[in-house]
Amino acid sequence: MTQAWQRYRSAPRPGTRIIDAAALEPGSPLSLTLDSDNGGFPLLLVRLDSGPVAYVNACPHQYLPLDQRGKRILSQDGEQLRCTNHGAAFSARTGEGVGGHGLGCALDAVPVSVDDEGWLVIGD
């Protein structure tokens, strides 16, 4: 996993708590903004069968939020994330572009884990 997410001015520090991990429902991506002294960091969370994954909520095609024009960004089978602006498609598991304007691009993955108290946190 690259660390491209850390180049964002508003990137949260590793260990930052996000939400109670149990609140992230399978099949329902969650878009939120983590606020810090450096501004808001757009985060997109998805619970897969293998566990939670996170990406910077910015389509690499034009850096607009994937869900800017609607909340239906996860395919019915849960395998693809689609940008509502231009239809770019990305693997929900890896962030790699798989269709449309997403080809040749990738979402910036953000490492996440669950801490001892059940919180989803930003990883190293």
Protein backbone atom coordinates (compact mmCIF):
# COMPACT_ATOMS: atom_id res chain seq x y z
CA MET A 1 0.00 0.00 0.00
CA THR A 2 1.39 3.38 -0.93
CA GLN A 3 1.37 6.20 1.55
CA ALA A 4 -0.03 8.81 -0.90
CA TRP A 5 -2.79 9.66 1.58
CA GLN A 6 -0.17 11.13 3.94
CA ARG A 7 0.70 13.82 1.38
CA TYR A 8 -2.68 15.50 1.89
CA ARG A 9 -2.23 18.59 4.05
CA SER A 10 -5.15 17.53 6.23
CA ALA A 11 -4.10 13.86 6.61
CA PRO A 12 -4.90 12.54 10.09
CA ARG A 13 -2.22 11.13 12.33
CA PRO A 14 -1.89 7.35 12.71
CA GLY A 15 -3.96 6.23 15.67
CA THR A 16 -6.74 8.75 15.00
CA ARG A 17 -10.07 7.22 16.00
CA ILE A 18 -12.72 7.27 13.30
CA ILE A 19 -15.89 5.46 14.43
CA ASP A 20 -17.00 2.43 16.42
CA ALA A 21 -16.11 -0.41 14.03
CA ALA A 22 -19.49 -2.09 14.64
CA ALA A 23 -21.23 0.99 13.19
CA LEU A 24 -19.76 0.32 9.73
CA GLU A 25 -22.38 -1.83 8.05
CA PRO A 26 -21.57 -4.24 5.20
CA GLY A 27 -22.76 -2.92 1.84
CA SER A 28 -23.17 0.65 3.09
CA PRO A 29 -20.14 2.82 2.33
CA LEU A 30 -19.63 5.66 4.77
CA SER A 31 -18.29 9.02 3.66
CA LEU A 32 -17.09 11.38 6.38
CA THR A 33 -14.70 14.21 7.03
CA LEU A 34 -12.06 13.94 9.74
CA ASP A 35 -11.41 17.43 11.10
CA SER A 36 -8.06 18.56 12.46
CA ASP A 37 -6.10 21.77 12.87
CA ASN A 38 -4.98 21.31 9.25
CA GLY A 39 -8.51 21.12 7.82
CA GLY A 40 -10.94 18.40 6.81
CA PHE A 41 -9.77 15.06 5.44
CA PRO A 42 -12.31 13.31 3.17
CA LEU A 43 -12.51 9.62 4.07
CA LEU A 44 -14.51 6.81 2.49
CA LEU A 45 -15.03 3.61 4.50
CA VAL A 46 -16.33 0.27 3.22
CA ARG A 47 -16.80 -2.99 5.15
CA LEU A 48 -15.91 -5.97 2.99
CA ASP A 49 -16.14 -9.63 3.96
CA SER A 50 -12.41 -9.42 4.72
CA GLY A 51 -12.88 -6.39 6.98
CA PRO A 52 -12.94 -2.61 6.68
CA VAL A 53 -11.07 -0.69 3.99
CA ALA A 54 -10.63 3.06 3.62
CA TYR A 55 -9.78 5.44 0.82
CA VAL A 56 -9.38 9.17 0.43
CA ASN A 57 -12.79 10.22 -0.88
CA ALA A 58 -11.36 11.88 -3.98
CA CYS A 59 -11.63 10.44 -7.48
CA PRO A 60 -8.16 10.69 -9.06
CA HIS A 61 -9.80 11.73 -12.34
CA GLN A 62 -10.74 15.21 -11.04
CA TYR A 63 -10.34 14.93 -7.25
CA LEU A 64 -14.07 15.30 -6.62
CA PRO A 65 -15.72 13.18 -3.91
CA LEU A 66 -16.92 9.84 -5.27
CA ASP A 67 -20.34 10.43 -3.69
CA GLN A 68 -20.72 14.09 -4.69
CA ARG A 69 -23.81 13.39 -6.82
CA GLY A 70 -25.36 10.62 -4.76
CA LYS A 71 -24.71 8.00 -2.13
CA ARG A 72 -25.02 4.92 -4.39
CA ILE A 73 -21.35 4.34 -5.07
CA LEU A 74 -20.94 0.65 -4.17
CA SER A 75 -21.93 -1.90 -6.81
CA GLN A 76 -24.65 -4.38 -5.93
CA ASP A 77 -22.11 -7.19 -5.56
CA GLY A 78 -19.95 -4.97 -3.31
CA GLU A 79 -16.89 -5.29 -5.52
CA GLN A 80 -16.70 -1.86 -7.17
CA LEU A 81 -16.82 1.75 -6.11
CA ARG A 82 -18.12 4.17 -8.74
CA CYS A 83 -17.57 7.89 -8.94
CA THR A 84 -20.95 9.60 -9.31
CA ASN A 85 -19.40 12.45 -11.30
CA HIS A 86 -17.99 10.62 -14.33
CA GLY A 87 -18.61 6.91 -13.73
CA ALA A 88 -15.00 5.96 -13.00
CA ALA A 89 -14.94 2.49 -11.45
CA PHE A 90 -12.50 1.19 -8.84
CA SER A 91 -12.02 -2.13 -7.08
CA ALA A 92 -13.50 -1.86 -3.58
CA ARG A 93 -10.80 -4.26 -2.35
CA THR A 94 -7.70 -2.59 -3.81
CA GLY A 95 -8.74 0.86 -5.07
CA GLU A 96 -7.32 0.07 -8.52
CA GLY A 97 -9.18 1.55 -11.49
CA VAL A 98 -11.26 -1.07 -13.31
CA GLY A 99 -13.43 0.94 -15.68
CA GLY A 100 -14.17 4.26 -17.37
CA HIS A 101 -12.04 7.20 -16.26
CA GLY A 102 -10.72 5.00 -13.46
CA LEU A 103 -8.55 2.95 -15.82
CA GLY A 104 -4.90 3.69 -15.17
CA CYS A 105 -5.70 5.39 -11.85
CA ALA A 106 -6.19 4.26 -8.28
CA LEU A 107 -7.86 5.59 -5.17
CA ASP A 108 -5.49 6.56 -2.38
CA ALA A 109 -5.82 3.80 0.21
CA VAL A 110 -5.76 4.73 3.89
CA PRO A 111 -4.69 1.99 6.32
CA VAL A 112 -7.24 1.26 9.03
CA SER A 113 -7.46 -1.24 11.86
CA VAL A 114 -9.64 -1.95 14.86
CA ASP A 115 -8.17 -1.09 18.25
CA ASP A 116 -8.63 -2.97 21.54
CA GLU A 117 -11.74 -0.94 22.36
CA GLY A 118 -13.47 -1.68 19.05
CA TRP A 119 -12.76 1.66 17.35
CA LEU A 120 -11.75 1.90 13.72
CA VAL A 121 -8.47 3.85 13.69
CA ILE A 122 -6.04 5.22 11.13
CA GLY A 123 -3.10 2.80 10.84
CA ASP A 124 0.60 3.33 10.18
